[in-house]
Every structure is written in C-alpha cells, then in structure tokens.
C-alpha cells in the first residue's frame, strides 16, 4: 500500500513539474510551486527529487529514450542519439527511405508528448548536444557519398555546423508552433519537405 501511495505521489509530482517547466521554462520553474500544485511540502518534494535538474530529467529522459529507440531501430543499431557515428553503411536510397520513416515516427512523438517535446527544444544543453550530434552525422554522410578531394573539404566541419544549426532551428520552429502549423497543413508533409535539405547532402558532385 505504501509503495502504491508513493508511486501515486510521484505521478502527481511529475504532472505538476511538467506543467511548471512547460509554462515557465527551466530557469523560472519553481520547486515551491511544483510542490504546491502536487499538494505536498517542499521538503517532501526534495525527498523524491533533490533538485530541478533531476526532476527535469525524469520528465524528458523517457521521451529522449523513445527518440533514440526510433533512430536505432531504423538504422539497425548503427546510429544512436547518444553517440557519434563513424560510418552509416547504407545506400543513399535506403538512407532517404529510413529518414522518412524516422520523420513520421518523430511527428507521432510530437503529437503524443507535446509538452515534453517543447521542454526538450527549450533546453539549451540538449539543443547544444543535438547540434554536435547532427553536425557529426552530416560530416559522415558527406564523406560517404561525396567526392571531397577538392577545396570544400577544409570547410566541411564549418559548413556541417552551419547546416546542423539550420536543421535544428527548423525543428524547433515546427515543434514550438506545431498547433499553428497543423491548422494549415499536415505536420508530416512539412517535415518531409524539410528533409529535402538533408537529401541534398547525398547527391553526387
């Protein structure tokens, strides 16, 4: 019985924290308000989570794991959200096909976890890590599918970082304004159109 009550309290904390982080952001979120809305004392809240960082992780890590699962499943465990890629090893056509599937599954996650996804894109540390991961992936894709025996090679990492920034910005825009975009057109169509930028990397010189 005590364990059931404890899990019920934890669910109340997470629901309260989700609303607090979503409406105020990580910096302005208040542990006091989270405790108040969860109908407990601040001291009791700290017994469950020692700080905002741990509480935020409890909210977004399950969704990050789902994103990683989508990526790993579609790349046959060759690519992980939490590690750098050295080589992909798929044909251009297969990569494009897999990117489209990943895109559709990501849109489903946006629809299933709108609050968590918005919190994720608002977190500067996470977006920084995503930028580094994506930049590295772009370098790997370009190295695999383009002839870089010319001057562009020395600029490859800079260009990849710039392109990764553009992609991340587009993703942030789409997630941040998902409701407004959905009123005008399907999120899937917008995402698939955006992926054409990625596909252009795979073209022969």
N, C-alpha and C. Protein backbone atom coordinates (compact mmCIF):
# COMPACT_ATOMS: atom_id res chain seq x y z
N UNK A 1 0.82 -1.21 0.00
CA UNK A 1 0.00 0.00 0.00
C UNK A 1 0.86 1.27 0.00
N UNK A 2 1.90 1.23 0.82
CA UNK A 2 2.81 2.39 0.90
C UNK A 2 3.49 2.65 -0.44
N UNK A 3 3.88 1.56 -1.12
CA UNK A 3 4.53 1.69 -2.42
C UNK A 3 3.58 2.28 -3.46
N UNK A 4 2.31 1.86 -3.42
CA UNK A 4 1.31 2.39 -4.34
C UNK A 4 1.11 3.88 -4.10
N UNK A 5 1.04 4.26 -2.83
CA UNK A 5 0.88 5.67 -2.47
C UNK A 5 2.08 6.49 -2.92
N UNK A 6 3.28 5.92 -2.76
CA UNK A 6 4.49 6.61 -3.18
C UNK A 6 4.51 6.84 -4.69
N UNK A 7 4.09 5.84 -5.46
CA UNK A 7 4.06 5.99 -6.92
C UNK A 7 2.99 7.00 -7.33
N UNK A 8 1.88 7.02 -6.59
CA UNK A 8 0.83 8.00 -6.87
C UNK A 8 1.35 9.41 -6.64
N UNK A 9 2.10 9.59 -5.56
CA UNK A 9 2.69 10.89 -5.26
C UNK A 9 3.71 11.30 -6.32
N UNK A 10 4.49 10.33 -6.78
CA UNK A 10 5.48 10.61 -7.82
C UNK A 10 4.80 11.06 -9.11
N UNK A 11 3.70 10.42 -9.45
CA UNK A 11 2.96 10.81 -10.64
C UNK A 11 2.41 12.23 -10.51
N UNK A 12 1.95 12.59 -9.32
CA UNK A 12 1.46 13.94 -9.08
C UNK A 12 2.58 14.96 -9.22
N UNK A 13 3.77 14.60 -8.73
CA UNK A 13 4.93 15.49 -8.83
C UNK A 13 5.29 15.71 -10.30
N UNK A 14 5.35 14.63 -11.05
CA UNK A 14 5.75 14.73 -12.46
C UNK A 14 4.73 15.52 -13.27
N UNK A 15 3.45 15.34 -12.97
CA UNK A 15 2.41 16.10 -13.66
C UNK A 15 2.53 17.59 -13.33
N UNK A 16 2.78 17.89 -12.07
CA UNK A 16 2.94 19.28 -11.65
C UNK A 16 4.19 19.89 -12.27
N UNK A 17 5.27 19.14 -12.27
CA UNK A 17 6.55 19.62 -12.82
C UNK A 17 6.45 19.82 -14.33
N UNK A 18 5.75 18.94 -15.00
CA UNK A 18 5.58 19.06 -16.44
C UNK A 18 4.90 20.38 -16.79
N UNK A 19 3.85 20.71 -16.07
CA UNK A 19 3.14 21.97 -16.30
C UNK A 19 4.03 23.16 -15.97
N UNK A 20 4.77 23.07 -14.87
CA UNK A 20 5.63 24.18 -14.44
C UNK A 20 6.76 24.44 -15.43
N UNK A 21 7.43 23.40 -15.87
CA UNK A 21 8.53 23.55 -16.83
C UNK A 21 8.01 24.01 -18.19
N UNK A 22 6.85 23.51 -18.57
CA UNK A 22 6.28 23.87 -19.87
C UNK A 22 5.87 25.34 -19.92
N UNK A 23 5.26 25.81 -18.86
CA UNK A 23 4.75 27.18 -18.85
C UNK A 23 5.81 28.23 -18.51
N UNK A 24 6.82 27.86 -17.70
CA UNK A 24 7.78 28.86 -17.23
C UNK A 24 9.21 28.64 -17.73
N UNK A 25 9.50 27.46 -18.23
CA UNK A 25 10.87 27.16 -18.62
C UNK A 25 11.70 26.71 -17.43
N UNK A 26 12.85 26.10 -17.69
CA UNK A 26 13.67 25.54 -16.63
C UNK A 26 14.16 26.59 -15.64
N UNK A 27 14.61 27.73 -16.13
CA UNK A 27 15.19 28.76 -15.25
C UNK A 27 14.16 29.35 -14.30
N UNK A 28 12.95 29.57 -14.78
CA UNK A 28 11.93 30.22 -13.97
C UNK A 28 11.05 29.23 -13.20
N UNK A 29 11.16 27.95 -13.51
CA UNK A 29 10.36 26.95 -12.80
C UNK A 29 10.71 26.94 -11.32
N UNK A 30 9.71 26.77 -10.48
CA UNK A 30 9.88 26.84 -9.03
C UNK A 30 9.55 25.50 -8.37
N UNK A 31 10.50 25.00 -7.59
CA UNK A 31 10.25 23.77 -6.85
C UNK A 31 9.12 24.00 -5.84
N UNK A 32 9.02 25.20 -5.31
CA UNK A 32 7.95 25.51 -4.36
C UNK A 32 6.58 25.39 -5.03
N UNK A 33 6.47 25.92 -6.26
CA UNK A 33 5.19 25.84 -6.96
C UNK A 33 4.87 24.41 -7.38
N UNK A 34 5.91 23.67 -7.75
CA UNK A 34 5.72 22.27 -8.12
C UNK A 34 5.17 21.50 -6.93
N UNK A 35 5.75 21.76 -5.75
CA UNK A 35 5.29 21.10 -4.53
C UNK A 35 3.85 21.51 -4.19
N UNK A 36 3.57 22.80 -4.33
CA UNK A 36 2.23 23.30 -4.02
C UNK A 36 1.17 22.66 -4.91
N UNK A 37 1.45 22.61 -6.22
CA UNK A 37 0.49 22.03 -7.15
C UNK A 37 0.38 20.52 -7.01
N UNK A 38 1.43 19.90 -6.47
CA UNK A 38 1.39 18.45 -6.21
C UNK A 38 0.81 18.16 -4.82
N UNK A 39 0.44 19.23 -4.11
CA UNK A 39 -0.19 19.13 -2.78
C UNK A 39 0.72 18.42 -1.78
N UNK A 40 1.95 18.93 -1.69
CA UNK A 40 2.89 18.42 -0.71
C UNK A 40 3.83 19.54 -0.28
N UNK A 41 4.60 19.29 0.75
CA UNK A 41 5.57 20.28 1.19
C UNK A 41 6.81 20.24 0.30
N UNK A 42 7.56 21.34 0.31
CA UNK A 42 8.79 21.38 -0.47
C UNK A 42 9.77 20.33 0.05
N UNK A 43 9.82 20.18 1.36
CA UNK A 43 10.71 19.19 1.96
C UNK A 43 10.40 17.79 1.48
N UNK A 44 9.12 17.47 1.38
CA UNK A 44 8.71 16.14 0.90
C UNK A 44 9.08 15.97 -0.57
N UNK A 45 8.94 17.06 -1.34
CA UNK A 45 9.31 17.01 -2.76
C UNK A 45 10.78 16.66 -2.92
N UNK A 46 11.63 17.27 -2.10
CA UNK A 46 13.07 17.01 -2.19
C UNK A 46 13.43 15.58 -1.78
N UNK A 47 12.53 14.93 -1.06
CA UNK A 47 12.77 13.52 -0.73
C UNK A 47 12.65 12.65 -1.98
N UNK A 48 11.84 13.12 -2.93
CA UNK A 48 11.67 12.39 -4.19
C UNK A 48 12.71 12.79 -5.22
N UNK A 49 12.95 14.10 -5.33
CA UNK A 49 13.90 14.63 -6.31
C UNK A 49 14.75 15.71 -5.65
N UNK A 50 16.08 15.56 -5.64
CA UNK A 50 16.96 16.50 -4.94
C UNK A 50 17.05 17.90 -5.56
N UNK A 51 16.54 18.07 -6.80
CA UNK A 51 16.63 19.38 -7.42
C UNK A 51 15.90 19.43 -8.75
N UNK A 52 15.87 20.63 -9.35
CA UNK A 52 15.17 20.80 -10.62
C UNK A 52 15.80 19.98 -11.74
N UNK A 53 17.12 19.85 -11.72
CA UNK A 53 17.80 19.12 -12.78
C UNK A 53 17.34 17.66 -12.81
N UNK A 54 17.27 17.05 -11.63
CA UNK A 54 16.85 15.65 -11.56
C UNK A 54 15.37 15.50 -11.94
N UNK A 55 14.57 16.47 -11.54
CA UNK A 55 13.15 16.44 -11.86
C UNK A 55 12.92 16.63 -13.36
N UNK A 56 13.68 17.54 -13.95
CA UNK A 56 13.58 17.76 -15.39
C UNK A 56 13.97 16.50 -16.16
N UNK A 57 15.04 15.85 -15.70
CA UNK A 57 15.49 14.62 -16.35
C UNK A 57 14.42 13.54 -16.29
N UNK A 58 13.73 13.45 -15.17
CA UNK A 58 12.68 12.45 -15.01
C UNK A 58 11.54 12.68 -15.99
N UNK A 59 11.35 13.94 -16.39
CA UNK A 59 10.28 14.29 -17.31
C UNK A 59 10.66 14.01 -18.76
N UNK A 60 11.87 14.42 -19.14
CA UNK A 60 12.23 14.37 -20.56
C UNK A 60 13.03 13.14 -20.96
N UNK A 61 13.71 12.47 -20.03
CA UNK A 61 14.55 11.33 -20.41
C UNK A 61 13.75 10.20 -21.06
N UNK A 62 12.55 9.87 -20.54
CA UNK A 62 11.77 8.81 -21.22
C UNK A 62 11.47 9.14 -22.68
N UNK A 63 11.21 10.41 -22.99
CA UNK A 63 10.93 10.80 -24.37
C UNK A 63 12.21 10.78 -25.20
N UNK A 64 13.33 11.23 -24.61
CA UNK A 64 14.61 11.15 -25.30
C UNK A 64 14.95 9.70 -25.63
N UNK A 65 14.63 8.79 -24.71
CA UNK A 65 14.87 7.37 -24.95
C UNK A 65 14.01 6.85 -26.10
N UNK A 66 12.79 7.35 -26.21
CA UNK A 66 11.91 6.94 -27.30
C UNK A 66 12.43 7.45 -28.64
N UNK A 67 12.96 8.68 -28.64
CA UNK A 67 13.58 9.23 -29.86
C UNK A 67 14.76 8.37 -30.27
N UNK A 68 15.59 8.02 -29.29
CA UNK A 68 16.76 7.19 -29.56
C UNK A 68 16.35 5.81 -30.07
N UNK A 69 15.28 5.27 -29.51
CA UNK A 69 14.79 3.95 -29.95
C UNK A 69 14.36 3.98 -31.41
N UNK A 70 13.68 5.07 -31.81
CA UNK A 70 13.27 5.23 -33.21
C UNK A 70 14.49 5.24 -34.12
N UNK A 71 15.50 6.02 -33.75
CA UNK A 71 16.71 6.14 -34.58
C UNK A 71 17.45 4.82 -34.66
N UNK A 72 17.61 4.14 -33.53
CA UNK A 72 18.35 2.87 -33.52
C UNK A 72 17.61 1.79 -34.30
N UNK A 73 16.29 1.73 -34.15
CA UNK A 73 15.51 0.72 -34.86
C UNK A 73 15.62 0.89 -36.37
N UNK A 74 15.55 2.13 -36.82
CA UNK A 74 15.57 2.40 -38.26
C UNK A 74 16.96 2.30 -38.86
N UNK A 75 17.98 2.36 -38.05
CA UNK A 75 19.35 2.25 -38.57
C UNK A 75 20.02 0.94 -38.16
N UNK A 76 19.18 -0.01 -37.70
CA UNK A 76 19.69 -1.33 -37.30
C UNK A 76 20.81 -1.20 -36.28
N UNK A 77 20.61 -0.32 -35.31
CA UNK A 77 21.53 -0.06 -34.20
C UNK A 77 22.87 0.53 -34.63
N UNK A 78 22.95 1.04 -35.87
CA UNK A 78 24.20 1.64 -36.33
C UNK A 78 24.32 3.09 -35.89
N UNK A 79 23.19 3.69 -35.53
CA UNK A 79 23.19 5.09 -35.17
C UNK A 79 22.41 5.28 -33.88
N UNK A 80 23.01 6.01 -32.94
CA UNK A 80 22.37 6.28 -31.66
C UNK A 80 22.35 7.78 -31.42
N UNK A 81 21.31 8.24 -30.75
CA UNK A 81 21.20 9.66 -30.42
C UNK A 81 22.25 10.09 -29.40
N UNK A 82 22.80 9.13 -28.67
CA UNK A 82 23.71 9.44 -27.58
C UNK A 82 25.17 9.14 -27.89
N UNK A 83 25.48 8.85 -29.15
CA UNK A 83 26.87 8.58 -29.52
C UNK A 83 27.15 9.07 -30.93
N UNK A 84 28.41 9.36 -31.23
CA UNK A 84 28.78 9.83 -32.56
C UNK A 84 28.86 8.67 -33.54
N UNK A 85 28.54 8.97 -34.78
CA UNK A 85 28.62 7.96 -35.83
C UNK A 85 29.95 8.06 -36.55
N UNK A 86 30.55 6.93 -36.87
CA UNK A 86 31.78 6.91 -37.66
C UNK A 86 31.48 6.57 -39.11
N UNK A 87 30.45 5.75 -39.29
CA UNK A 87 30.06 5.34 -40.64
C UNK A 87 28.63 4.81 -40.58
N UNK A 88 27.83 5.11 -41.61
CA UNK A 88 26.45 4.65 -41.63
C UNK A 88 26.34 3.33 -42.37
N UNK A 89 26.92 3.25 -43.57
CA UNK A 89 26.95 1.99 -44.29
C UNK A 89 25.69 1.62 -45.04
N UNK A 90 24.78 2.58 -45.27
CA UNK A 90 23.59 2.33 -46.07
C UNK A 90 23.72 3.04 -47.41
N UNK A 91 22.98 2.56 -48.39
CA UNK A 91 22.94 3.26 -49.67
C UNK A 91 22.18 4.58 -49.51
N UNK A 92 22.38 5.50 -50.46
CA UNK A 92 21.69 6.79 -50.40
C UNK A 92 20.17 6.59 -50.40
N UNK A 93 19.71 5.68 -51.26
CA UNK A 93 18.28 5.45 -51.37
C UNK A 93 17.70 4.91 -50.06
N UNK A 94 18.43 4.00 -49.42
CA UNK A 94 17.95 3.41 -48.18
C UNK A 94 17.96 4.43 -47.06
N UNK A 95 18.97 5.29 -47.04
CA UNK A 95 19.03 6.33 -46.01
C UNK A 95 17.84 7.28 -46.15
N UNK A 96 17.53 7.66 -47.39
CA UNK A 96 16.39 8.54 -47.61
C UNK A 96 15.09 7.89 -47.13
N UNK A 97 14.96 6.61 -47.43
CA UNK A 97 13.77 5.88 -47.00
C UNK A 97 13.67 5.84 -45.48
N UNK A 98 14.79 5.58 -44.83
CA UNK A 98 14.81 5.49 -43.37
C UNK A 98 14.56 6.86 -42.73
N UNK A 99 15.09 7.91 -43.34
CA UNK A 99 14.86 9.26 -42.81
C UNK A 99 13.38 9.62 -42.84
N UNK A 100 12.70 9.20 -43.89
CA UNK A 100 11.27 9.47 -43.99
C UNK A 100 10.49 8.73 -42.89
N UNK A 101 10.88 7.50 -42.62
CA UNK A 101 10.23 6.73 -41.56
C UNK A 101 10.50 7.37 -40.21
N UNK A 102 11.76 7.76 -39.98
CA UNK A 102 12.12 8.44 -38.73
C UNK A 102 11.31 9.72 -38.58
N UNK A 103 11.17 10.46 -39.68
CA UNK A 103 10.40 11.69 -39.67
C UNK A 103 8.96 11.45 -39.22
N UNK A 104 8.32 10.44 -39.78
CA UNK A 104 6.93 10.15 -39.43
C UNK A 104 6.80 9.74 -37.96
N UNK A 105 7.75 8.94 -37.49
CA UNK A 105 7.69 8.50 -36.10
C UNK A 105 7.99 9.66 -35.14
N UNK A 106 8.84 10.59 -35.56
CA UNK A 106 9.11 11.76 -34.75
C UNK A 106 7.87 12.64 -34.62
N UNK A 107 7.13 12.78 -35.72
CA UNK A 107 5.90 13.55 -35.68
C UNK A 107 4.90 12.92 -34.72
N UNK A 108 4.85 11.59 -34.70
CA UNK A 108 3.97 10.91 -33.76
C UNK A 108 4.36 11.23 -32.31
N UNK A 109 5.66 11.30 -32.05
CA UNK A 109 6.13 11.65 -30.70
C UNK A 109 5.76 13.08 -30.35
N UNK A 110 5.85 13.97 -31.33
CA UNK A 110 5.45 15.37 -31.10
C UNK A 110 3.98 15.43 -30.71
N UNK A 111 3.16 14.61 -31.37
CA UNK A 111 1.72 14.59 -31.09
C UNK A 111 1.42 13.91 -29.76
N UNK A 112 2.18 12.87 -29.43
CA UNK A 112 1.93 12.12 -28.20
C UNK A 112 2.47 12.84 -26.96
N UNK A 113 3.61 13.53 -27.13
CA UNK A 113 4.26 14.19 -25.99
C UNK A 113 4.56 15.66 -26.31
N UNK A 114 3.53 16.44 -26.58
CA UNK A 114 3.77 17.84 -26.99
C UNK A 114 4.47 18.67 -25.93
N UNK A 115 4.09 18.50 -24.66
CA UNK A 115 4.72 19.29 -23.59
C UNK A 115 6.18 18.91 -23.42
N UNK A 116 6.44 17.60 -23.37
CA UNK A 116 7.83 17.15 -23.18
C UNK A 116 8.72 17.56 -24.35
N UNK A 117 8.19 17.45 -25.56
CA UNK A 117 9.00 17.81 -26.73
C UNK A 117 9.32 19.29 -26.73
N UNK A 118 8.37 20.11 -26.30
CA UNK A 118 8.63 21.55 -26.26
C UNK A 118 9.65 21.87 -25.18
N UNK A 119 9.58 21.20 -24.05
CA UNK A 119 10.56 21.39 -22.98
C UNK A 119 11.95 21.00 -23.48
N UNK A 120 12.02 19.90 -24.23
CA UNK A 120 13.30 19.43 -24.76
C UNK A 120 13.94 20.48 -25.66
N UNK A 121 13.18 21.05 -26.57
CA UNK A 121 13.76 22.02 -27.50
C UNK A 121 14.08 23.35 -26.84
N UNK A 122 13.51 23.59 -25.66
CA UNK A 122 13.81 24.82 -24.93
C UNK A 122 15.06 24.69 -24.07
N UNK A 123 15.55 23.45 -23.91
CA UNK A 123 16.72 23.21 -23.06
C UNK A 123 18.00 23.45 -23.86
N UNK A 124 18.78 24.44 -23.46
CA UNK A 124 19.97 24.83 -24.21
C UNK A 124 21.01 23.73 -24.26
N UNK A 125 21.17 22.99 -23.18
CA UNK A 125 22.17 21.92 -23.15
C UNK A 125 21.80 20.80 -24.11
N UNK A 126 20.53 20.45 -24.15
CA UNK A 126 20.08 19.39 -25.06
C UNK A 126 20.22 19.83 -26.51
N UNK A 127 19.81 21.05 -26.82
CA UNK A 127 19.94 21.52 -28.21
C UNK A 127 21.40 21.63 -28.62
N UNK A 128 22.27 21.96 -27.67
CA UNK A 128 23.71 22.00 -27.98
C UNK A 128 24.22 20.60 -28.32
N UNK A 129 23.82 19.61 -27.53
CA UNK A 129 24.23 18.23 -27.78
C UNK A 129 23.66 17.72 -29.10
N UNK A 130 22.40 18.06 -29.38
CA UNK A 130 21.78 17.66 -30.65
C UNK A 130 22.51 18.29 -31.83
N UNK A 131 22.93 19.53 -31.66
CA UNK A 131 23.66 20.23 -32.72
C UNK A 131 24.98 19.52 -33.00
N UNK A 132 25.72 19.16 -31.97
CA UNK A 132 27.00 18.48 -32.14
C UNK A 132 26.80 17.11 -32.79
N UNK A 133 25.78 16.39 -32.34
CA UNK A 133 25.48 15.06 -32.89
C UNK A 133 25.11 15.16 -34.35
N UNK A 134 24.25 16.09 -34.69
CA UNK A 134 23.78 16.24 -36.07
C UNK A 134 24.90 16.72 -36.98
N UNK A 135 25.71 17.62 -36.50
CA UNK A 135 26.85 18.12 -37.28
C UNK A 135 27.80 16.98 -37.63
N UNK A 136 28.08 16.12 -36.66
CA UNK A 136 28.94 14.97 -36.90
C UNK A 136 28.31 14.01 -37.91
N UNK A 137 26.99 13.81 -37.80
CA UNK A 137 26.29 12.92 -38.73
C UNK A 137 26.37 13.46 -40.16
N UNK A 138 26.21 14.78 -40.31
CA UNK A 138 26.29 15.39 -41.63
C UNK A 138 27.67 15.18 -42.24
N UNK A 139 28.71 15.35 -41.43
CA UNK A 139 30.08 15.11 -41.90
C UNK A 139 30.22 13.68 -42.40
N UNK A 140 29.71 12.72 -41.63
CA UNK A 140 29.80 11.31 -42.00
C UNK A 140 29.07 11.05 -43.32
N UNK A 141 27.87 11.61 -43.47
CA UNK A 141 27.10 11.41 -44.70
C UNK A 141 27.79 12.01 -45.91
N UNK A 142 28.32 13.21 -45.74
CA UNK A 142 29.02 13.84 -46.86
C UNK A 142 30.27 13.05 -47.23
N UNK A 143 31.01 12.58 -46.25
CA UNK A 143 32.23 11.81 -46.51
C UNK A 143 31.91 10.50 -47.23
N UNK A 144 30.76 9.91 -46.90
CA UNK A 144 30.39 8.63 -47.51
C UNK A 144 29.91 8.78 -48.95
N UNK A 145 29.26 9.89 -49.25
CA UNK A 145 28.57 9.98 -50.53
C UNK A 145 29.07 11.07 -51.46
N UNK A 146 30.05 11.83 -51.09
CA UNK A 146 30.55 12.88 -51.97
C UNK A 146 32.06 12.78 -52.14
N UNK A 147 32.53 13.22 -53.27
CA UNK A 147 33.96 13.27 -53.54
C UNK A 147 34.50 14.58 -52.98
N UNK A 148 35.31 14.47 -51.92
CA UNK A 148 35.79 15.68 -51.24
C UNK A 148 37.28 15.90 -51.47
N UNK A 149 37.75 15.61 -52.65
CA UNK A 149 39.17 15.81 -52.95
C UNK A 149 39.42 17.23 -53.46
N UNK A 150 38.51 18.13 -53.12
CA UNK A 150 38.67 19.50 -53.58
C UNK A 150 38.59 20.44 -52.40
N UNK A 151 38.57 21.73 -52.66
CA UNK A 151 38.76 22.73 -51.62
C UNK A 151 37.71 22.69 -50.51
N UNK A 152 36.52 22.23 -50.82
CA UNK A 152 35.45 22.25 -49.82
C UNK A 152 35.79 21.43 -48.58
N UNK A 153 36.67 20.45 -48.73
CA UNK A 153 36.96 19.55 -47.62
C UNK A 153 37.43 20.31 -46.39
N UNK A 154 38.25 21.33 -46.55
CA UNK A 154 38.76 22.05 -45.40
C UNK A 154 37.68 22.86 -44.69
N UNK A 155 36.57 23.09 -45.38
CA UNK A 155 35.46 23.83 -44.79
C UNK A 155 34.33 22.91 -44.32
N UNK A 156 34.52 21.61 -44.48
CA UNK A 156 33.43 20.67 -44.25
C UNK A 156 32.82 20.79 -42.86
N UNK A 157 33.64 20.84 -41.84
CA UNK A 157 33.12 20.87 -40.47
C UNK A 157 32.36 22.17 -40.19
N UNK A 158 32.88 23.27 -40.70
CA UNK A 158 32.18 24.55 -40.51
C UNK A 158 30.84 24.54 -41.23
N UNK A 159 30.86 24.06 -42.48
CA UNK A 159 29.62 24.00 -43.26
C UNK A 159 28.61 23.06 -42.60
N UNK A 160 29.09 21.95 -42.06
CA UNK A 160 28.20 20.99 -41.41
C UNK A 160 27.59 21.59 -40.15
N UNK A 161 28.37 22.35 -39.39
CA UNK A 161 27.84 23.00 -38.19
C UNK A 161 26.79 24.04 -38.56
N UNK A 162 27.03 24.76 -39.65
CA UNK A 162 26.06 25.76 -40.11
C UNK A 162 24.77 25.08 -40.55
N UNK A 163 24.91 23.97 -41.28
CA UNK A 163 23.73 23.27 -41.77
C UNK A 163 22.97 22.63 -40.63
N UNK A 164 23.70 22.08 -39.64
CA UNK A 164 23.06 21.50 -38.46
C UNK A 164 22.26 22.56 -37.71
N UNK A 165 22.81 23.77 -37.62
CA UNK A 165 22.09 24.87 -36.96
C UNK A 165 20.78 25.17 -37.67
N UNK A 166 20.82 25.15 -39.01
CA UNK A 166 19.61 25.43 -39.78
C UNK A 166 18.56 24.34 -39.55
N UNK A 167 18.99 23.08 -39.53
CA UNK A 167 18.07 21.98 -39.32
C UNK A 167 17.45 22.04 -37.93
N UNK A 168 18.28 22.27 -36.91
CA UNK A 168 17.79 22.36 -35.54
C UNK A 168 16.80 23.51 -35.41
N UNK A 169 17.12 24.64 -36.02
CA UNK A 169 16.21 25.80 -35.97
C UNK A 169 14.86 25.47 -36.58
N UNK A 170 14.89 24.74 -37.71
CA UNK A 170 13.65 24.34 -38.34
C UNK A 170 12.83 23.40 -37.48
N UNK A 171 13.51 22.45 -36.83
CA UNK A 171 12.83 21.51 -35.95
C UNK A 171 12.22 22.24 -34.77
N UNK A 172 12.98 23.16 -34.20
CA UNK A 172 12.48 23.95 -33.06
C UNK A 172 11.23 24.73 -33.47
N UNK A 173 11.29 25.34 -34.64
CA UNK A 173 10.15 26.11 -35.15
C UNK A 173 8.93 25.22 -35.28
N UNK A 174 9.11 24.04 -35.87
CA UNK A 174 7.98 23.14 -36.11
C UNK A 174 7.36 22.66 -34.80
N UNK A 175 8.20 22.24 -33.85
CA UNK A 175 7.69 21.74 -32.58
C UNK A 175 7.06 22.86 -31.77
N UNK A 176 7.70 24.02 -31.77
CA UNK A 176 7.21 25.15 -31.00
C UNK A 176 5.86 25.66 -31.51
N UNK A 177 5.63 25.50 -32.82
CA UNK A 177 4.40 26.01 -33.43
C UNK A 177 3.58 24.89 -34.06
N UNK A 178 3.68 23.71 -33.49
CA UNK A 178 3.02 22.53 -34.07
C UNK A 178 1.52 22.74 -34.22
N UNK A 179 0.88 23.35 -33.24
CA UNK A 179 -0.57 23.54 -33.31
C UNK A 179 -0.95 24.47 -34.47
N UNK A 180 -0.20 25.56 -34.61
CA UNK A 180 -0.50 26.50 -35.69
C UNK A 180 -0.22 25.90 -37.06
N UNK A 181 0.88 25.15 -37.16
CA UNK A 181 1.23 24.51 -38.44
C UNK A 181 0.17 23.48 -38.82
N UNK A 182 -0.29 22.71 -37.82
CA UNK A 182 -1.26 21.66 -38.06
C UNK A 182 -2.58 22.22 -38.60
N UNK A 183 -2.91 23.45 -38.25
CA UNK A 183 -4.14 24.07 -38.75
C UNK A 183 -4.06 24.37 -40.25
N UNK A 184 -2.84 24.55 -40.75
CA UNK A 184 -2.65 24.92 -42.16
C UNK A 184 -2.34 23.72 -43.04
N UNK A 185 -1.58 22.78 -42.51
CA UNK A 185 -1.21 21.59 -43.29
C UNK A 185 -0.75 20.49 -42.36
N UNK A 186 -0.56 19.31 -42.90
CA UNK A 186 -0.12 18.17 -42.10
C UNK A 186 1.33 18.33 -41.68
N UNK A 187 1.60 18.02 -40.42
CA UNK A 187 2.97 18.10 -39.92
C UNK A 187 3.89 17.17 -40.71
N UNK A 188 3.35 16.00 -41.10
CA UNK A 188 4.15 15.04 -41.86
C UNK A 188 4.65 15.65 -43.17
N UNK A 189 3.76 16.38 -43.84
CA UNK A 189 4.13 16.98 -45.12
C UNK A 189 5.21 18.05 -44.94
N UNK A 190 5.06 18.84 -43.88
CA UNK A 190 6.05 19.88 -43.60
C UNK A 190 7.41 19.24 -43.31
N UNK A 191 7.41 18.22 -42.48
CA UNK A 191 8.66 17.55 -42.11
C UNK A 191 9.31 16.90 -43.32
N UNK A 192 8.53 16.24 -44.15
CA UNK A 192 9.08 15.57 -45.33
C UNK A 192 9.68 16.58 -46.30
N UNK A 193 9.01 17.72 -46.44
CA UNK A 193 9.57 18.77 -47.30
C UNK A 193 10.88 19.30 -46.74
N UNK A 194 10.94 19.42 -45.44
CA UNK A 194 12.15 19.93 -44.80
C UNK A 194 13.32 18.96 -44.98
N UNK A 195 13.01 17.67 -45.03
CA UNK A 195 14.05 16.66 -45.19
C UNK A 195 14.73 16.72 -46.56
N UNK A 196 14.13 17.43 -47.52
CA UNK A 196 14.78 17.57 -48.82
C UNK A 196 16.12 18.28 -48.67
N UNK A 197 16.25 19.11 -47.67
CA UNK A 197 17.53 19.76 -47.39
C UNK A 197 18.59 18.73 -47.03
N UNK A 198 18.16 17.72 -46.25
CA UNK A 198 19.09 16.66 -45.87
C UNK A 198 19.45 15.81 -47.08
N UNK A 199 18.44 15.50 -47.92
CA UNK A 199 18.69 14.67 -49.08
C UNK A 199 19.69 15.31 -50.04
N UNK A 200 19.71 16.63 -50.08
CA UNK A 200 20.65 17.32 -51.00
C UNK A 200 22.11 17.03 -50.65
N UNK A 201 22.36 16.65 -49.40
CA UNK A 201 23.73 16.29 -49.00
C UNK A 201 24.18 15.01 -49.66
N UNK A 202 23.23 14.18 -50.05
CA UNK A 202 23.58 12.86 -50.55
C UNK A 202 23.79 12.81 -52.06
N UNK A 203 23.66 13.95 -52.71
CA UNK A 203 23.81 13.96 -54.15
C UNK A 203 25.28 13.91 -54.56
N UNK A 204 25.51 13.30 -55.69
CA UNK A 204 26.87 13.24 -56.23
C UNK A 204 27.27 14.62 -56.69
N UNK A 205 28.57 14.91 -56.59
CA UNK A 205 29.08 16.18 -57.12
C UNK A 205 29.20 16.08 -58.64
